[in-house]
Each structure stands twice: as structure tokens, then as C-alpha cells.
Amino acid sequence: MPAPMPAATPIRYHSHIRSSVVPTWDRETERVLFANYRRNHVMGGSMRKGMLTIAALAAALAAGLVLAAVATATGGNHLHAQLRGTNEVPAAPASNRGRVEVTLKPSVGKVCWEFTITKIDGKPTAAHIHKGRPGVSGPVYIAFGTTFKRQGCTTAPKAKINAVAAKPSAFYVNVHNAKHLGGAMRGQLKADL
């Protein structure tokens, strides 16, 4: 049979320890000291840490939403198009391929772009955003400068930039060269996800 539990000694209060400390007690087989109990387990315990974690996550989410709103307010609309020679009217060689990334900034009247040309049968001479659905040649809507540049920015009327942002699929980008004055490759704009 196990030995009976020893009787606990009376609780002693220590007047020289701060009032936030829970008193100690002695037993014959163990001595337990709950120093700074309130600070470590009530105010600094897992519940407080959980609340701080939730507050930090909420703050990060709010900051992300604010940044997204600022990007939208400053015109951070990101679009892209896969460029193919066969998309042109009339069609250019199927080997003509590339991609363009377009950033619309309507609040400042700016359009920026970056082309990645995989292959083209001649030196690019110009690039534009045209208004038109697939298979139809449309008018130049926004020119990417006067000569072709792989990347850059240009100014445009805010109303035109907003129209492209509102319905990107109604517009296409094409690249021209000396062999294909009407366009060497083309692709409909799509919003980035």
C-alpha cells in the first residue's frame, strides 16, 4: 500500500515580494513556487499570446487591403497578352511569338509596358494598344511611343486608360515590323489574376 499523503504546511505569505506574486506553500515531498503567476499565466499566457496573434493578423490583413486599395486608386491595373503571328489580320508567321505585360495608371495618365519577344521575323518597329475584338483590325488606341521599345511608359488620356481597364478583352496589343506593316504579332489583353 502506498504511503499516505503528507499533510501540507500552512500557506505563508511573503511580505517582501510584490503583490502580483501568488503565495507559496510547502509540502514534505514538493515545494512549489508560483512566482509572478499573474504575469506569466494570466497576462502573458497562451490566451494573451493568441489574442496578440489575432490582432497582428488583423493588422496585416488591414494593411494588405489598404495597399490593394492604394494600388487600385493609383491605377495599378496589371494586364497581359500572349502575342502570336497567327492572331494578326492578315496572319503573320506562326513562329512570331511573345508576351507583353501592361500596367495602367489612370490616376496619373500613364501606361507602362514590358515586352518579351520569343521570336519575330524582322526587327520590331512599333507597338500599340488597338481597340478591337479577335480577328478584327481596329484603330490604334494608345501608342507605346513613336518607335519600338522593349519596355517603357507613355502618357495617355485618363478616359482611354479607364476604358482599357474596364474591359481589357475589347483591346489588343500588336507589334509591327518592316515585313508586316499591319502587325507581326498580336494578342488580346487580359487582366492578371
Protein backbone atom coordinates (compact mmCIF):
# COMPACT_ATOMS: atom_id res chain seq x y z
CA MET A 1 0.00 0.00 0.00
CA PRO A 2 1.21 3.46 -0.80
CA ALA A 3 2.17 5.77 1.99
CA PRO A 4 -0.44 8.34 2.96
CA MET A 5 -0.03 11.88 1.53
CA PRO A 6 1.88 14.14 3.85
CA ALA A 7 -0.06 17.00 5.32
CA ALA A 8 0.53 20.37 3.70
CA THR A 9 2.12 23.03 5.75
CA PRO A 10 0.21 26.26 6.21
CA ILE A 11 0.39 28.88 3.44
CA ARG A 12 3.00 31.50 4.09
CA TYR A 13 2.69 35.00 2.67
CA HIS A 14 5.89 36.79 1.85
CA SER A 15 5.60 40.48 2.54
CA HIS A 16 8.86 41.31 0.78
CA ILE A 17 7.56 40.00 -2.63
CA ARG A 18 5.38 42.16 -4.88
CA SER A 19 1.63 41.78 -4.54
CA SER A 20 1.36 40.26 -8.05
CA VAL A 21 3.09 37.13 -6.77
CA VAL A 22 0.87 34.27 -5.65
CA PRO A 23 1.85 32.87 -2.25
CA THR A 24 3.95 29.72 -1.93
CA TRP A 25 3.26 26.60 0.09
CA ASP A 26 5.38 23.72 1.25
CA ARG A 27 4.76 20.00 1.27
CA GLU A 28 7.08 17.41 2.53
CA THR A 29 7.66 15.89 -0.96
CA GLU A 30 7.49 19.01 -3.08
CA ARG A 31 7.92 22.73 -2.94
CA VAL A 32 6.01 24.79 -5.48
CA LEU A 33 6.60 28.44 -6.08
CA PHE A 34 4.18 30.28 -8.34
CA ALA A 35 6.27 33.40 -8.75
CA ASN A 36 4.78 36.04 -10.98
CA TYR A 37 1.79 33.78 -11.65
CA ARG A 38 -0.44 36.53 -12.90
CA ARG A 39 2.15 37.91 -15.31
CA ASN A 40 3.25 34.53 -16.72
CA HIS A 41 -0.03 32.64 -16.88
CA VAL A 42 -2.87 35.12 -16.86
CA MET A 43 -1.48 38.23 -18.58
CA GLY A 44 1.31 36.54 -20.55
CA GLY A 45 -0.09 33.08 -21.06
CA SER A 46 -1.35 31.34 -24.14
CA MET A 47 -4.64 33.27 -24.20
CA ARG A 48 -2.83 36.60 -24.33
CA LYS A 49 -0.43 35.29 -26.97
CA GLY A 50 -3.39 34.05 -29.01
CA MET A 51 -5.09 37.44 -28.76
CA LEU A 52 -1.88 39.19 -29.81
CA THR A 53 -1.52 36.81 -32.76
CA ILE A 54 -5.09 37.51 -33.87
CA ALA A 55 -4.51 41.26 -33.52
CA ALA A 56 -1.29 41.03 -35.56
CA LEU A 57 -3.01 39.03 -38.30
CA ALA A 58 -5.90 41.50 -38.40
CA ALA A 59 -3.45 44.39 -38.69
CA ALA A 60 -1.57 42.64 -41.51
CA LEU A 61 -4.82 41.93 -43.36
CA ALA A 62 -5.94 45.54 -42.96
CA ALA A 63 -2.55 46.76 -44.24
CA GLY A 64 -2.84 44.46 -47.26
CA LEU A 65 -6.32 45.76 -48.05
CA VAL A 66 -5.10 49.34 -47.76
CA LEU A 67 -2.17 48.62 -50.10
CA ALA A 68 -4.53 46.97 -52.60
CA ALA A 69 -6.85 49.96 -52.44
CA VAL A 70 -3.93 52.34 -52.93
CA ALA A 71 -2.69 50.31 -55.92
CA THR A 72 -6.14 50.42 -57.47
CA ALA A 73 -6.58 54.10 -56.68
CA THR A 74 -3.23 54.93 -58.25
CA GLY A 75 -4.05 52.84 -61.30
CA GLY A 76 -2.11 49.68 -60.55
CA ASN A 77 -4.14 47.64 -63.07
CA HIS A 78 -1.97 44.85 -64.45
CA LEU A 79 -2.78 43.28 -67.81
CA HIS A 80 -1.00 40.90 -70.17
CA ALA A 81 -1.32 39.46 -73.67
CA GLN A 82 0.16 36.40 -75.36
CA LEU A 83 1.34 37.59 -78.78
CA ARG A 84 1.13 35.31 -81.84
CA GLY A 85 1.70 35.94 -85.51
CA THR A 86 -1.38 33.89 -86.40
CA ASN A 87 -3.60 36.29 -84.41
CA GLU A 88 -2.87 39.10 -86.89
CA VAL A 89 -5.23 40.09 -89.72
CA PRO A 90 -3.83 39.14 -92.19
CA ALA A 91 -1.89 36.41 -90.39
CA ALA A 92 1.86 36.68 -89.93
CA PRO A 93 4.18 33.66 -89.47
CA ALA A 94 3.16 31.29 -86.66
CA SER A 95 6.74 31.41 -85.36
CA ASN A 96 6.31 35.07 -84.35
CA ARG A 97 5.64 34.89 -80.62
CA GLY A 98 5.95 36.98 -77.49
CA ARG A 99 4.27 38.37 -74.42
CA VAL A 100 3.54 41.85 -73.11
CA GLU A 101 2.87 42.99 -69.55
CA VAL A 102 0.92 46.26 -69.32
CA THR A 103 0.37 48.42 -66.23
CA LEU A 104 -2.36 51.05 -66.40
CA LYS A 105 -2.13 54.07 -64.11
CA PRO A 106 -5.27 56.12 -64.85
CA SER A 107 -4.85 58.49 -61.89
CA VAL A 108 -1.63 59.85 -63.41
CA GLY A 109 -2.48 59.25 -67.08
CA LYS A 110 0.31 56.73 -67.62
CA VAL A 111 0.60 53.35 -69.38
CA CYS A 112 3.71 51.21 -68.88
CA TRP A 113 4.70 48.03 -70.72
CA GLU A 114 7.33 45.34 -70.97
CA PHE A 115 7.67 43.03 -73.97
CA THR A 116 9.27 39.60 -74.04
CA ILE A 117 9.78 38.72 -77.71
CA THR A 118 10.43 35.00 -78.18
CA LYS A 119 10.82 35.20 -81.97
CA ILE A 120 9.93 37.69 -84.71
CA ASP A 121 10.85 37.67 -88.41
CA GLY A 122 12.36 41.13 -88.50
CA LYS A 123 13.26 44.00 -86.22
CA PRO A 124 10.24 45.41 -84.32
CA THR A 125 9.46 48.99 -85.36
CA ALA A 126 6.38 49.94 -83.31
CA ALA A 127 3.80 48.64 -80.82
CA HIS A 128 0.32 49.83 -79.83
CA ILE A 129 -2.88 49.05 -77.99
CA HIS A 130 -5.69 48.79 -80.55
CA LYS A 131 -9.42 48.71 -79.98
CA GLY A 132 -10.87 45.55 -81.49
CA ARG A 133 -12.07 42.03 -80.87
CA PRO A 134 -10.15 38.94 -82.03
CA GLY A 135 -9.97 38.58 -85.82
CA VAL A 136 -10.79 42.24 -86.48
CA SER A 137 -8.28 45.00 -87.18
CA GLY A 138 -9.00 48.03 -85.05
CA PRO A 139 -7.65 51.55 -84.80
CA VAL A 140 -4.61 52.46 -82.71
CA TYR A 141 -5.96 53.40 -79.29
CA ILE A 142 -2.76 54.03 -77.29
CA ALA A 143 0.69 54.09 -78.92
CA PHE A 144 3.66 52.69 -77.00
CA GLY A 145 5.88 55.59 -78.08
CA THR A 146 6.87 56.54 -81.63
CA THR A 147 9.33 53.65 -82.12
CA PHE A 148 9.50 50.18 -80.58
CA LYS A 149 10.99 49.92 -77.10
CA ARG A 150 11.08 46.66 -75.18
CA GLN A 151 9.88 48.49 -72.08
CA GLY A 152 8.78 51.95 -71.18
CA CYS A 153 5.92 54.24 -70.24
CA THR A 154 3.81 56.73 -72.14
CA THR A 155 1.09 59.19 -71.29
CA ALA A 156 -2.50 58.83 -72.47
CA PRO A 157 -5.87 60.41 -71.70
CA LYS A 158 -7.32 59.09 -68.44
CA ALA A 159 -10.61 58.25 -70.19
CA LYS A 160 -8.80 55.93 -72.62
CA ILE A 161 -6.83 54.25 -69.84
CA ASN A 162 -10.03 53.74 -67.83
CA ALA A 163 -11.75 52.21 -70.89
CA VAL A 164 -8.94 49.66 -71.30
CA ALA A 165 -9.01 48.90 -67.56
CA ALA A 166 -12.80 48.44 -67.58
CA LYS A 167 -12.84 45.90 -70.45
CA PRO A 168 -9.35 44.68 -71.38
CA SER A 169 -10.67 41.95 -73.70
CA ALA A 170 -12.03 44.63 -76.07
CA PHE A 171 -8.43 45.70 -76.80
CA TYR A 172 -5.35 44.03 -78.23
CA VAL A 173 -1.63 44.78 -78.38
CA ASN A 174 0.39 44.24 -81.52
CA VAL A 175 3.99 44.64 -82.63
CA HIS A 176 4.82 45.88 -86.14
CA ASN A 177 7.93 45.41 -88.29
CA ALA A 178 9.02 46.27 -91.86
CA LYS A 179 7.84 42.89 -93.22
CA HIS A 180 4.42 43.16 -91.57
CA LEU A 181 3.33 46.79 -91.51
CA GLY A 182 -0.14 45.79 -90.28
CA GLY A 183 1.36 43.76 -87.45
CA ALA A 184 3.80 40.90 -86.93
CA MET A 185 2.16 39.51 -83.78
CA ARG A 186 -0.89 40.28 -81.72
CA GLY A 187 -2.75 39.28 -78.54
CA GLN A 188 -5.93 40.29 -76.71
CA LEU A 189 -5.39 41.93 -73.33
CA LYS A 190 -6.39 40.05 -70.18
CA ALA A 191 -6.39 41.12 -66.55
CA ASP A 192 -3.77 39.47 -64.33
CA LEU A 193 -5.25 37.39 -61.56
